Amino acid sequence: MSNRTPRVFTTEFKERAVLRLEAGEQFSALAAELGVRRKLLYDWCKSYRLLGAAGLNRKRGPKPGGQRSSPSPGRATPADPLAQAEARVAELERLVGRQQVDLDFFRRALRLTDADSPSGTVPTFSRSSKP
């Protein structure tokens, strides 16, 4: 692991970089000149487009509570019954998909168990009354 502390860039520095990119400069060339990763420049551009200069000042990483602070543009609010129904359908489709994967796994495991056991029968275990 490295002992380096993360660099902190001012909002003005980020804004100047974003404005240069929007003027047509290449991401890789600007990243090399400024000594930052290209991904960081892409992140700054995305934040700047969404929230302006204020978007460059936000802390990175997941937000407390694991939920977004504001809904995405074009996304319906949770109070919308159609959006709730669509979300529920998507959730159920994911559940069915996971269950199908589980079923496929157990079918394959059962086939392997049947193939390994003599005479194609699964061994049974019985309790005896004597220890």
C-alpha atoms as a PDB file:
ATOM      1  CA  MET A   1       0.000   0.000   0.000  1.00  0.00           C
ATOM      2  CA  SER A   2       1.181   3.511  -0.633  1.00  0.00           C
ATOM      3  CA  ASN A   3       1.756   6.174   1.971  1.00  0.00           C
ATOM      4  CA  ARG A   4       0.632   8.935  -0.343  1.00  0.00           C
ATOM      5  CA  THR A   5      -2.127  11.225   0.806  1.00  0.00           C
ATOM      6  CA  PRO A   6      -4.784  12.052  -1.774  1.00  0.00           C
ATOM      7  CA  ARG A   7      -4.350  15.357  -3.536  1.00  0.00           C
ATOM      8  CA  VAL A   8      -7.044  17.937  -2.970  1.00  0.00           C
ATOM      9  CA  PHE A   9      -7.949  20.157  -5.897  1.00  0.00           C
ATOM     10  CA  THR A  10      -9.704  23.489  -5.547  1.00  0.00           C
ATOM     11  CA  THR A  11     -13.048  24.082  -7.210  1.00  0.00           C
ATOM     12  CA  GLU A  12     -11.415  26.764  -9.382  1.00  0.00           C
ATOM     13  CA  PHE A  13      -8.749  24.314 -10.565  1.00  0.00           C
ATOM     14  CA  LYS A  14     -11.395  21.752 -11.486  1.00  0.00           C
ATOM     15  CA  GLU A  15     -13.560  24.348 -13.236  1.00  0.00           C
ATOM     16  CA  ARG A  16     -10.638  25.625 -15.335  1.00  0.00           C
ATOM     17  CA  ALA A  17      -9.828  22.039 -16.345  1.00  0.00           C
ATOM     18  CA  VAL A  18     -13.455  21.319 -17.304  1.00  0.00           C
ATOM     19  CA  LEU A  19     -13.704  24.521 -19.309  1.00  0.00           C
ATOM     20  CA  ARG A  20     -10.539  23.602 -21.204  1.00  0.00           C
ATOM     21  CA  LEU A  21     -12.015  20.173 -21.989  1.00  0.00           C
ATOM     22  CA  GLU A  22     -15.264  21.705 -23.171  1.00  0.00           C
ATOM     23  CA  ALA A  23     -13.233  24.030 -25.400  1.00  0.00           C
ATOM     24  CA  GLY A  24     -11.929  20.937 -27.187  1.00  0.00           C
ATOM     25  CA  GLU A  25      -8.718  19.873 -25.477  1.00  0.00           C
ATOM     26  CA  GLN A  26      -7.956  16.162 -25.334  1.00  0.00           C
ATOM     27  CA  PHE A  27      -8.602  14.378 -22.039  1.00  0.00           C
ATOM     28  CA  SER A  28      -5.349  12.419 -22.108  1.00  0.00           C
ATOM     29  CA  ALA A  29      -3.194  15.462 -22.942  1.00  0.00           C
ATOM     30  CA  LEU A  30      -4.775  17.604 -20.233  1.00  0.00           C
ATOM     31  CA  ALA A  31      -4.563  14.786 -17.694  1.00  0.00           C
ATOM     32  CA  ALA A  32      -0.842  14.404 -18.380  1.00  0.00           C
ATOM     33  CA  GLU A  33      -0.279  18.164 -18.162  1.00  0.00           C
ATOM     34  CA  LEU A  34      -2.168  18.527 -14.874  1.00  0.00           C
ATOM     35  CA  GLY A  35      -0.873  15.275 -13.376  1.00  0.00           C
ATOM     36  CA  VAL A  36      -4.323  13.754 -12.776  1.00  0.00           C
ATOM     37  CA  ARG A  37      -6.041  10.600 -13.974  1.00  0.00           C
ATOM     38  CA  ARG A  38      -8.300  10.830 -17.025  1.00  0.00           C
ATOM     39  CA  LYS A  39     -11.145   9.226 -15.056  1.00  0.00           C
ATOM     40  CA  LEU A  40     -10.976  12.100 -12.607  1.00  0.00           C
ATOM     41  CA  LEU A  41     -11.390  14.554 -15.483  1.00  0.00           C
ATOM     42  CA  TYR A  42     -14.393  12.590 -16.758  1.00  0.00           C
ATOM     43  CA  ASP A  43     -15.905  12.648 -13.267  1.00  0.00           C
ATOM     44  CA  TRP A  44     -15.384  16.399 -12.999  1.00  0.00           C
ATOM     45  CA  CYS A  45     -17.021  16.961 -16.409  1.00  0.00           C
ATOM     46  CA  LYS A  46     -20.018  14.854 -15.459  1.00  0.00           C
ATOM     47  CA  SER A  47     -20.465  16.676 -12.156  1.00  0.00           C
ATOM     48  CA  TYR A  48     -20.046  20.057 -13.837  1.00  0.00           C
ATOM     49  CA  ARG A  49     -22.679  19.237 -16.457  1.00  0.00           C
ATOM     50  CA  LEU A  50     -25.164  18.073 -13.813  1.00  0.00           C
ATOM     51  CA  LEU A  51     -24.692  20.712 -11.117  1.00  0.00           C
ATOM     52  CA  GLY A  52     -22.358  23.382 -12.454  1.00  0.00           C
ATOM     53  CA  ALA A  53     -19.434  24.586 -10.352  1.00  0.00           C
ATOM     54  CA  ALA A  54     -21.229  23.387  -7.205  1.00  0.00           C
ATOM     55  CA  GLY A  55     -20.966  19.832  -8.510  1.00  0.00           C
ATOM     56  CA  LEU A  56     -17.179  20.078  -8.399  1.00  0.00           C
ATOM     57  CA  ASN A  57     -17.225  20.702  -4.673  1.00  0.00           C
ATOM     58  CA  ARG A  58     -19.050  17.545  -3.597  1.00  0.00           C
ATOM     59  CA  LYS A  59     -17.478  14.758  -1.608  1.00  0.00           C
ATOM     60  CA  ARG A  60     -16.871  11.511  -3.464  1.00  0.00           C
ATOM     61  CA  GLY A  61     -18.078   8.069  -2.513  1.00  0.00           C
ATOM     62  CA  PRO A  62     -21.429   6.687  -1.430  1.00  0.00           C
ATOM     63  CA  LYS A  63     -23.764   9.036   0.358  1.00  0.00           C
ATOM     64  CA  PRO A  64     -25.085   8.236   3.836  1.00  0.00           C
ATOM     65  CA  GLY A  65     -28.169   6.039   3.784  1.00  0.00           C
ATOM     66  CA  GLY A  66     -27.283   4.468   0.450  1.00  0.00           C
ATOM     67  CA  GLN A  67     -29.882   6.552  -1.380  1.00  0.00           C
ATOM     68  CA  ARG A  68     -29.554   9.376  -3.820  1.00  0.00           C
ATOM     69  CA  SER A  69     -30.124  12.828  -2.456  1.00  0.00           C
ATOM     70  CA  SER A  70     -32.241  13.802  -5.451  1.00  0.00           C
ATOM     71  CA  PRO A  71     -33.912  11.777  -8.188  1.00  0.00           C
ATOM     72  CA  SER A  72     -32.291  11.637 -11.607  1.00  0.00           C
ATOM     73  CA  PRO A  73     -33.748  13.790 -14.347  1.00  0.00           C
ATOM     74  CA  GLY A  74     -36.429  11.924 -16.252  1.00  0.00           C
ATOM     75  CA  ARG A  75     -36.986   9.457 -13.443  1.00  0.00           C
ATOM     76  CA  ALA A  76     -40.453   9.317 -11.919  1.00  0.00           C
ATOM     77  CA  THR A  77     -40.936   9.984  -8.250  1.00  0.00           C
ATOM     78  CA  PRO A  78     -41.741   7.084  -5.905  1.00  0.00           C
ATOM     79  CA  ALA A  79     -45.244   8.530  -5.400  1.00  0.00           C
ATOM     80  CA  ASP A  80     -46.062   7.795  -9.048  1.00  0.00           C
ATOM     81  CA  PRO A  81     -48.065   4.526  -9.124  1.00  0.00           C
ATOM     82  CA  LEU A  82     -46.774   3.586 -12.578  1.00  0.00           C
ATOM     83  CA  ALA A  83     -43.164   4.029 -11.450  1.00  0.00           C
ATOM     84  CA  GLN A  84     -43.871   1.943  -8.350  1.00  0.00           C
ATOM     85  CA  ALA A  85     -45.388  -0.823 -10.463  1.00  0.00           C
ATOM     86  CA  GLU A  86     -42.472  -0.784 -12.911  1.00  0.00           C
ATOM     87  CA  ALA A  87     -39.976  -0.910 -10.052  1.00  0.00           C
ATOM     88  CA  ARG A  88     -41.844  -3.854  -8.506  1.00  0.00           C
ATOM     89  CA  VAL A  89     -41.914  -5.706 -11.851  1.00  0.00           C
ATOM     90  CA  ALA A  90     -38.172  -5.142 -12.288  1.00  0.00           C
ATOM     91  CA  GLU A  91     -37.538  -6.381  -8.745  1.00  0.00           C
ATOM     92  CA  LEU A  92     -39.598  -9.523  -9.342  1.00  0.00           C
ATOM     93  CA  GLU A  93     -37.863 -10.190 -12.664  1.00  0.00           C
ATOM     94  CA  ARG A  94     -34.481 -10.028 -10.903  1.00  0.00           C
ATOM     95  CA  LEU A  95     -35.781 -12.424  -8.248  1.00  0.00           C
ATOM     96  CA  VAL A  96     -37.018 -14.892 -10.876  1.00  0.00           C
ATOM     97  CA  GLY A  97     -33.649 -14.675 -12.633  1.00  0.00           C
ATOM     98  CA  ARG A  98     -31.762 -15.458  -9.425  1.00  0.00           C
ATOM     99  CA  GLN A  99     -34.105 -18.366  -8.697  1.00  0.00           C
ATOM    100  CA  GLN A 100     -33.564 -19.738 -12.207  1.00  0.00           C
ATOM    101  CA  VAL A 101     -29.802 -19.638 -11.696  1.00  0.00           C
ATOM    102  CA  ASP A 102     -30.241 -21.523  -8.406  1.00  0.00           C
ATOM    103  CA  LEU A 103     -32.465 -24.143 -10.056  1.00  0.00           C
ATOM    104  CA  ASP A 104     -29.966 -24.684 -12.858  1.00  0.00           C
ATOM    105  CA  PHE A 105     -27.172 -25.113 -10.322  1.00  0.00           C
ATOM    106  CA  PHE A 106     -29.082 -27.673  -8.272  1.00  0.00           C
ATOM    107  CA  ARG A 107     -30.179 -29.604 -11.381  1.00  0.00           C
ATOM    108  CA  ARG A 108     -26.548 -29.927 -12.450  1.00  0.00           C
ATOM    109  CA  ALA A 109     -25.479 -30.893  -8.937  1.00  0.00           C
ATOM    110  CA  LEU A 110     -28.221 -33.540  -8.776  1.00  0.00           C
ATOM    111  CA  ARG A 111     -27.161 -34.986 -12.129  1.00  0.00           C
ATOM    112  CA  LEU A 112     -23.553 -35.201 -10.927  1.00  0.00           C
ATOM    113  CA  THR A 113     -24.656 -36.861  -7.685  1.00  0.00           C
ATOM    114  CA  ASP A 114     -26.801 -39.362  -9.609  1.00  0.00           C
ATOM    115  CA  ALA A 115     -23.914 -40.141 -11.949  1.00  0.00           C
ATOM    116  CA  ASP A 116     -21.487 -40.703  -9.063  1.00  0.00           C
ATOM    117  CA  SER A 117     -23.709 -42.996  -6.990  1.00  0.00           C
ATOM    118  CA  PRO A 118     -23.735 -46.724  -7.776  1.00  0.00           C
ATOM    119  CA  SER A 119     -26.778 -47.973  -9.668  1.00  0.00           C
ATOM    120  CA  GLY A 120     -28.022 -44.424 -10.091  1.00  0.00           C
ATOM    121  CA  THR A 121     -29.633 -44.210  -6.651  1.00  0.00           C
ATOM    122  CA  VAL A 122     -29.016 -41.569  -4.068  1.00  0.00           C
ATOM    123  CA  PRO A 123     -27.782 -43.062  -0.787  1.00  0.00           C
ATOM    124  CA  THR A 124     -30.201 -42.830   2.114  1.00  0.00           C
ATOM    125  CA  PHE A 125     -29.280 -42.562   5.746  1.00  0.00           C
ATOM    126  CA  SER A 126     -31.326 -44.193   8.457  1.00  0.00           C
ATOM    127  CA  ARG A 127     -31.239 -43.709  12.187  1.00  0.00           C
ATOM    128  CA  SER A 128     -30.585 -46.700  14.327  1.00  0.00           C
ATOM    129  CA  SER A 129     -32.061 -47.003  17.764  1.00  0.00           C
ATOM    130  CA  LYS A 130     -28.740 -48.178  19.154  1.00  0.00           C
ATOM    131  CA  PRO A 131     -25.813 -45.732  19.504  1.00  0.00           C
END
